[in-house]
Structure formats: structure tokens, C-alpha cells
Amino acid sequence: MSLSEVHLPTALVARYRAVDREIVGSAIVDTPRHLEALTVSIGAHGIRTPLRLGFNEEFATLDGNHRVAVAIRLGLKAVPVFLFAVPLTPRPGHAQPMRPTDLVVLREAAGA
């Protein structure tokens, strides 16, 4: 399966985030100010850089924890996502267990 961009329900994508950036800060950026700036930008222009969701039948990993936090904050029903397959090993520490119903949706969206 190659990298493909799709729009997926925000609630589904959020299940695979490593952390909730509304609750957990970041050592890299000042999360409250960063989230506020993203909220203004995404509110005005939408999500310009799709999130990245790597998945297999056991787990998924999300790159875009700040963007999905803002999508939830703004009440966005769907977000743009690049979907791609990841190997079963090694399993990253931030990987979240795959829900069987989500796997069906992700495979269909990716055209697999």
C-alpha cells in the first residue's frame, strides 16, 4: 500500500494519537501558545499539512498530535490524513492498539 491522502473522521484519527496535547505539554514548543496559533491558522485556512497515520492489523501511529487536538477543539468532523502501511516490528513505544472496526475503515480508505 502506498502513501495516500484521505479524509477520515477526527474521532477515529484521535484514537491513535500518542498524547492529548490539550493536557500534556511539549518540551519542544510552548504547547498552549502553539495550540492557540494553530487554532487561529486552521480556523482560517483548514489543515494545510495532512496528518500521517501509519497502521497495520495490530497498531497505528499518528504524526499530528497538535493538529488533531486543534481539530477536536474546532469541532472538525474530518481531517486530511496520509495513510501508509507500517511493519509489525519494531513496534514504536507510542503505538496505539488497532481497533478491528477502524482497521476495516483504514484499509478501505487506503484502497487495500
N, C-alpha and C. Protein backbone atom coordinates (compact mmCIF):
# COMPACT_ATOMS: atom_id res chain seq x y z
N MET A 1 0.86 -1.17 0.00
CA MET A 1 0.00 0.00 0.00
C MET A 1 0.90 1.23 0.00
N SER A 2 0.67 2.13 -0.90
CA SER A 2 1.46 3.35 -0.97
C SER A 2 0.80 4.44 -0.14
N LEU A 3 1.52 5.53 0.03
CA LEU A 3 1.03 6.68 0.77
C LEU A 3 -0.15 7.29 0.01
N SER A 4 -1.27 7.47 0.69
CA SER A 4 -2.43 8.07 0.05
C SER A 4 -3.09 9.05 1.00
N GLU A 5 -3.58 10.18 0.46
CA GLU A 5 -4.26 11.18 1.28
C GLU A 5 -5.76 10.94 1.21
N VAL A 6 -6.38 10.91 2.39
CA VAL A 6 -7.82 10.73 2.51
C VAL A 6 -8.33 11.66 3.61
N HIS A 7 -9.62 11.79 3.71
CA HIS A 7 -10.23 12.49 4.84
C HIS A 7 -10.90 11.43 5.71
N LEU A 8 -10.55 11.46 6.99
CA LEU A 8 -11.08 10.49 7.94
C LEU A 8 -11.75 11.20 9.11
N PRO A 9 -12.69 10.52 9.77
CA PRO A 9 -13.33 11.12 10.94
C PRO A 9 -12.29 11.50 12.00
N THR A 10 -12.41 12.69 12.52
CA THR A 10 -11.47 13.17 13.54
C THR A 10 -11.43 12.23 14.74
N ALA A 11 -12.58 11.73 15.17
CA ALA A 11 -12.62 10.85 16.35
C ALA A 11 -11.81 9.58 16.11
N LEU A 12 -11.87 9.02 14.92
CA LEU A 12 -11.09 7.82 14.60
C LEU A 12 -9.60 8.13 14.66
N VAL A 13 -9.18 9.18 14.01
CA VAL A 13 -7.76 9.55 13.97
C VAL A 13 -7.25 9.84 15.38
N ALA A 14 -8.04 10.53 16.19
CA ALA A 14 -7.62 10.91 17.54
C ALA A 14 -7.34 9.70 18.43
N ARG A 15 -7.95 8.56 18.15
CA ARG A 15 -7.71 7.36 18.96
C ARG A 15 -6.26 6.89 18.87
N TYR A 16 -5.55 7.30 17.83
CA TYR A 16 -4.20 6.81 17.61
C TYR A 16 -3.11 7.84 17.93
N ARG A 17 -3.50 8.93 18.59
CA ARG A 17 -2.51 9.93 18.99
C ARG A 17 -1.68 9.39 20.16
N ALA A 18 -0.46 9.85 20.22
CA ALA A 18 0.43 9.42 21.30
C ALA A 18 0.01 10.06 22.62
N VAL A 19 -0.35 11.34 22.56
CA VAL A 19 -0.76 12.08 23.75
C VAL A 19 -1.82 13.11 23.35
N ASP A 20 -2.58 13.55 24.33
CA ASP A 20 -3.54 14.63 24.10
C ASP A 20 -2.80 15.93 24.40
N ARG A 21 -2.49 16.70 23.37
CA ARG A 21 -1.71 17.93 23.54
C ARG A 21 -2.46 19.00 24.32
N GLU A 22 -3.77 18.87 24.48
CA GLU A 22 -4.50 19.81 25.32
C GLU A 22 -4.16 19.59 26.79
N ILE A 23 -3.73 18.37 27.11
CA ILE A 23 -3.44 18.01 28.50
C ILE A 23 -1.94 17.95 28.76
N VAL A 24 -1.21 17.34 27.84
CA VAL A 24 0.21 17.11 28.01
C VAL A 24 0.99 18.14 27.22
N GLY A 25 1.90 18.82 27.89
CA GLY A 25 2.73 19.82 27.23
C GLY A 25 3.80 19.18 26.37
N SER A 26 4.66 20.01 25.83
CA SER A 26 5.73 19.55 24.96
C SER A 26 7.02 20.24 25.36
N ALA A 27 8.10 19.49 25.34
CA ALA A 27 9.41 20.07 25.64
C ALA A 27 9.92 20.88 24.45
N ILE A 28 9.34 20.68 23.28
CA ILE A 28 9.83 21.32 22.08
C ILE A 28 9.20 22.70 21.87
N VAL A 29 7.92 22.82 22.09
CA VAL A 29 7.23 24.10 21.89
C VAL A 29 6.40 24.43 23.12
N ASP A 30 6.06 25.67 23.26
CA ASP A 30 5.14 26.10 24.30
C ASP A 30 3.75 25.69 23.84
N THR A 31 3.27 24.55 24.28
CA THR A 31 2.05 23.95 23.74
C THR A 31 0.83 24.87 23.81
N PRO A 32 0.52 25.53 24.92
CA PRO A 32 -0.68 26.39 24.90
C PRO A 32 -0.61 27.48 23.82
N ARG A 33 0.53 28.15 23.69
CA ARG A 33 0.65 29.19 22.66
C ARG A 33 0.65 28.57 21.27
N HIS A 34 1.32 27.43 21.13
CA HIS A 34 1.36 26.75 19.83
C HIS A 34 -0.05 26.32 19.41
N LEU A 35 -0.80 25.73 20.34
CA LEU A 35 -2.17 25.31 20.03
C LEU A 35 -3.04 26.50 19.68
N GLU A 36 -2.86 27.62 20.37
CA GLU A 36 -3.67 28.80 20.06
C GLU A 36 -3.35 29.32 18.65
N ALA A 37 -2.07 29.37 18.31
CA ALA A 37 -1.67 29.82 16.97
C ALA A 37 -2.21 28.87 15.91
N LEU A 38 -2.12 27.55 16.16
CA LEU A 38 -2.67 26.58 15.22
C LEU A 38 -4.18 26.71 15.09
N THR A 39 -4.85 26.98 16.20
CA THR A 39 -6.30 27.14 16.17
C THR A 39 -6.69 28.30 15.26
N VAL A 40 -5.98 29.41 15.37
CA VAL A 40 -6.26 30.57 14.51
C VAL A 40 -6.00 30.21 13.05
N SER A 41 -4.85 29.58 12.79
CA SER A 41 -4.48 29.23 11.41
C SER A 41 -5.44 28.22 10.79
N ILE A 42 -5.70 27.14 11.52
CA ILE A 42 -6.58 26.09 10.99
C ILE A 42 -8.02 26.60 10.88
N GLY A 43 -8.43 27.45 11.82
CA GLY A 43 -9.77 28.03 11.74
C GLY A 43 -9.94 28.87 10.49
N ALA A 44 -8.88 29.55 10.08
CA ALA A 44 -8.94 30.41 8.91
C ALA A 44 -8.69 29.67 7.60
N HIS A 45 -7.78 28.68 7.62
CA HIS A 45 -7.32 28.07 6.38
C HIS A 45 -7.51 26.56 6.29
N GLY A 46 -7.97 25.93 7.36
CA GLY A 46 -8.06 24.47 7.39
C GLY A 46 -6.70 23.86 7.66
N ILE A 47 -6.66 22.55 7.73
CA ILE A 47 -5.39 21.85 7.95
C ILE A 47 -4.67 21.75 6.62
N ARG A 48 -3.57 22.45 6.51
CA ARG A 48 -2.81 22.50 5.25
C ARG A 48 -1.87 21.32 5.08
N THR A 49 -1.32 20.83 6.17
CA THR A 49 -0.42 19.69 6.12
C THR A 49 -1.15 18.49 6.70
N PRO A 50 -1.47 17.50 5.87
CA PRO A 50 -2.21 16.33 6.38
C PRO A 50 -1.46 15.63 7.51
N LEU A 51 -2.21 15.05 8.42
CA LEU A 51 -1.63 14.22 9.46
C LEU A 51 -1.10 12.96 8.79
N ARG A 52 -0.25 12.22 9.49
CA ARG A 52 0.30 10.97 8.95
C ARG A 52 -0.10 9.83 9.90
N LEU A 53 -0.81 8.84 9.36
CA LEU A 53 -1.25 7.70 10.16
C LEU A 53 -0.70 6.43 9.54
N GLY A 54 0.28 5.84 10.22
CA GLY A 54 0.83 4.56 9.80
C GLY A 54 0.09 3.46 10.54
N PHE A 55 -0.25 2.38 9.84
CA PHE A 55 -1.04 1.35 10.52
C PHE A 55 -0.77 -0.04 9.95
N ASN A 56 -1.12 -1.02 10.76
CA ASN A 56 -1.16 -2.43 10.37
C ASN A 56 -2.28 -3.07 11.20
N GLU A 57 -2.39 -4.38 11.13
CA GLU A 57 -3.51 -5.03 11.83
C GLU A 57 -3.39 -5.01 13.34
N GLU A 58 -2.22 -4.66 13.88
CA GLU A 58 -2.03 -4.66 15.33
C GLU A 58 -2.03 -3.28 15.97
N PHE A 59 -1.52 -2.26 15.27
CA PHE A 59 -1.39 -0.94 15.88
C PHE A 59 -1.36 0.16 14.83
N ALA A 60 -1.43 1.40 15.32
CA ALA A 60 -1.29 2.57 14.45
C ALA A 60 -0.48 3.62 15.20
N THR A 61 0.19 4.48 14.42
CA THR A 61 0.93 5.60 14.99
C THR A 61 0.53 6.87 14.25
N LEU A 62 0.38 7.94 14.99
CA LEU A 62 -0.05 9.21 14.40
C LEU A 62 1.03 10.26 14.55
N ASP A 63 1.29 10.95 13.45
CA ASP A 63 2.11 12.15 13.47
C ASP A 63 1.16 13.30 13.20
N GLY A 64 0.92 14.12 14.23
CA GLY A 64 -0.03 15.22 14.08
C GLY A 64 -0.84 15.43 15.35
N ASN A 65 -0.22 15.18 16.50
CA ASN A 65 -0.94 15.29 17.77
C ASN A 65 -1.46 16.71 18.02
N HIS A 66 -0.69 17.73 17.65
CA HIS A 66 -1.15 19.11 17.83
C HIS A 66 -2.32 19.41 16.88
N ARG A 67 -2.19 19.00 15.62
CA ARG A 67 -3.24 19.28 14.65
C ARG A 67 -4.54 18.57 14.99
N VAL A 68 -4.47 17.34 15.48
CA VAL A 68 -5.71 16.65 15.84
C VAL A 68 -6.32 17.27 17.09
N ALA A 69 -5.49 17.77 18.01
CA ALA A 69 -6.02 18.47 19.18
C ALA A 69 -6.81 19.71 18.75
N VAL A 70 -6.27 20.44 17.79
CA VAL A 70 -6.95 21.63 17.29
C VAL A 70 -8.22 21.24 16.52
N ALA A 71 -8.17 20.17 15.76
CA ALA A 71 -9.36 19.71 15.04
C ALA A 71 -10.49 19.41 16.02
N ILE A 72 -10.15 18.77 17.14
CA ILE A 72 -11.15 18.49 18.17
C ILE A 72 -11.64 19.80 18.77
N ARG A 73 -10.72 20.69 19.08
CA ARG A 73 -11.04 22.00 19.66
C ARG A 73 -12.02 22.76 18.76
N LEU A 74 -11.81 22.70 17.45
CA LEU A 74 -12.64 23.42 16.49
C LEU A 74 -13.90 22.64 16.08
N GLY A 75 -14.02 21.40 16.54
CA GLY A 75 -15.19 20.61 16.19
C GLY A 75 -15.19 20.10 14.76
N LEU A 76 -14.00 19.95 14.16
CA LEU A 76 -13.93 19.43 12.79
C LEU A 76 -14.36 17.98 12.77
N LYS A 77 -15.22 17.63 11.87
CA LYS A 77 -15.72 16.25 11.78
C LYS A 77 -14.72 15.31 11.12
N ALA A 78 -13.90 15.85 10.19
CA ALA A 78 -12.93 15.03 9.47
C ALA A 78 -11.64 15.82 9.29
N VAL A 79 -10.55 15.08 9.12
CA VAL A 79 -9.23 15.69 8.92
C VAL A 79 -8.53 15.01 7.75
N PRO A 80 -7.65 15.76 7.04
CA PRO A 80 -6.87 15.14 5.97
C PRO A 80 -5.74 14.31 6.57
N VAL A 81 -5.56 13.12 6.03
CA VAL A 81 -4.58 12.18 6.58
C VAL A 81 -3.86 11.47 5.45
N PHE A 82 -2.54 11.36 5.57
CA PHE A 82 -1.78 10.46 4.70
C PHE A 82 -1.78 9.10 5.40
N LEU A 83 -2.31 8.08 4.74
CA LEU A 83 -2.32 6.71 5.27
C LEU A 83 -1.19 5.92 4.65
N PHE A 84 -0.54 5.09 5.45
CA PHE A 84 0.50 4.23 4.92
C PHE A 84 0.68 3.02 5.82
N ALA A 85 1.13 1.94 5.23
CA ALA A 85 1.36 0.69 5.97
C ALA A 85 2.67 0.77 6.73
N VAL A 86 2.69 0.19 7.92
CA VAL A 86 3.91 0.08 8.70
C VAL A 86 4.12 -1.39 9.06
N PRO A 87 5.37 -1.83 9.20
CA PRO A 87 5.63 -3.22 9.57
C PRO A 87 5.21 -3.50 11.01
N LEU A 88 4.98 -4.77 11.30
CA LEU A 88 4.60 -5.17 12.65
C LEU A 88 5.73 -4.97 13.66
N THR A 89 6.97 -5.06 13.18
CA THR A 89 8.12 -4.85 14.06
C THR A 89 9.11 -3.94 13.37
N PRO A 90 9.79 -3.11 14.10
CA PRO A 90 9.62 -2.90 15.53
C PRO A 90 8.36 -2.08 15.82
N ARG A 91 7.77 -2.32 16.96
CA ARG A 91 6.57 -1.59 17.36
C ARG A 91 7.00 -0.36 18.17
N PRO A 92 6.72 0.85 17.67
CA PRO A 92 7.10 2.05 18.42
C PRO A 92 6.41 2.11 19.78
N GLY A 93 7.08 2.71 20.75
CA GLY A 93 6.51 2.83 22.09
C GLY A 93 5.23 3.64 22.13
N HIS A 94 5.05 4.57 21.19
CA HIS A 94 3.85 5.42 21.19
C HIS A 94 2.72 4.82 20.35
N ALA A 95 2.90 3.62 19.81
CA ALA A 95 1.86 2.98 19.01
C ALA A 95 0.64 2.68 19.86
N GLN A 96 -0.53 2.83 19.25
CA GLN A 96 -1.79 2.54 19.92
C GLN A 96 -2.41 1.29 19.31
N PRO A 97 -3.03 0.43 20.14
CA PRO A 97 -3.63 -0.80 19.61
C PRO A 97 -4.70 -0.51 18.56
N MET A 98 -4.69 -1.31 17.51
CA MET A 98 -5.65 -1.16 16.42
C MET A 98 -7.01 -1.72 16.83
N ARG A 99 -8.05 -0.96 16.59
CA ARG A 99 -9.41 -1.45 16.79
C ARG A 99 -9.85 -2.14 15.50
N PRO A 100 -10.42 -3.33 15.59
CA PRO A 100 -10.82 -4.06 14.37
C PRO A 100 -11.73 -3.26 13.45
N THR A 101 -12.67 -2.51 14.01
CA THR A 101 -13.58 -1.73 13.16
C THR A 101 -12.83 -0.60 12.46
N ASP A 102 -11.83 -0.04 13.13
CA ASP A 102 -11.01 1.01 12.50
C ASP A 102 -10.18 0.43 11.37
N LEU A 103 -9.66 -0.78 11.56
CA LEU A 103 -8.83 -1.41 10.53
C LEU A 103 -9.61 -1.55 9.23
N VAL A 104 -10.87 -1.91 9.33
CA VAL A 104 -11.72 -2.04 8.14
C VAL A 104 -11.82 -0.68 7.43
N VAL A 105 -12.07 0.37 8.19
CA VAL A 105 -12.20 1.72 7.61
C VAL A 105 -10.88 2.16 6.99
N LEU A 106 -9.76 1.95 7.69
CA LEU A 106 -8.46 2.38 7.19
C LEU A 106 -8.07 1.62 5.92
N ARG A 107 -8.28 0.32 5.90
CA ARG A 107 -7.98 -0.46 4.70
C ARG A 107 -8.80 0.00 3.51
N GLU A 108 -10.08 0.23 3.75
CA GLU A 108 -10.94 0.68 2.66
C GLU A 108 -10.51 2.06 2.17
N ALA A 109 -10.21 2.97 3.10
CA ALA A 109 -9.79 4.31 2.71
C ALA A 109 -8.48 4.30 1.94
N ALA A 110 -7.58 3.38 2.31
CA ALA A 110 -6.28 3.29 1.64
C ALA A 110 -6.35 2.50 0.36
N GLY A 111 -7.49 1.89 0.09
CA GLY A 111 -7.64 1.12 -1.13
C GLY A 111 -6.96 -0.23 -1.06
N ALA A 112 -6.81 -0.75 0.16
CA ALA A 112 -6.13 -2.05 0.31
C ALA A 112 -7.13 -3.19 0.35
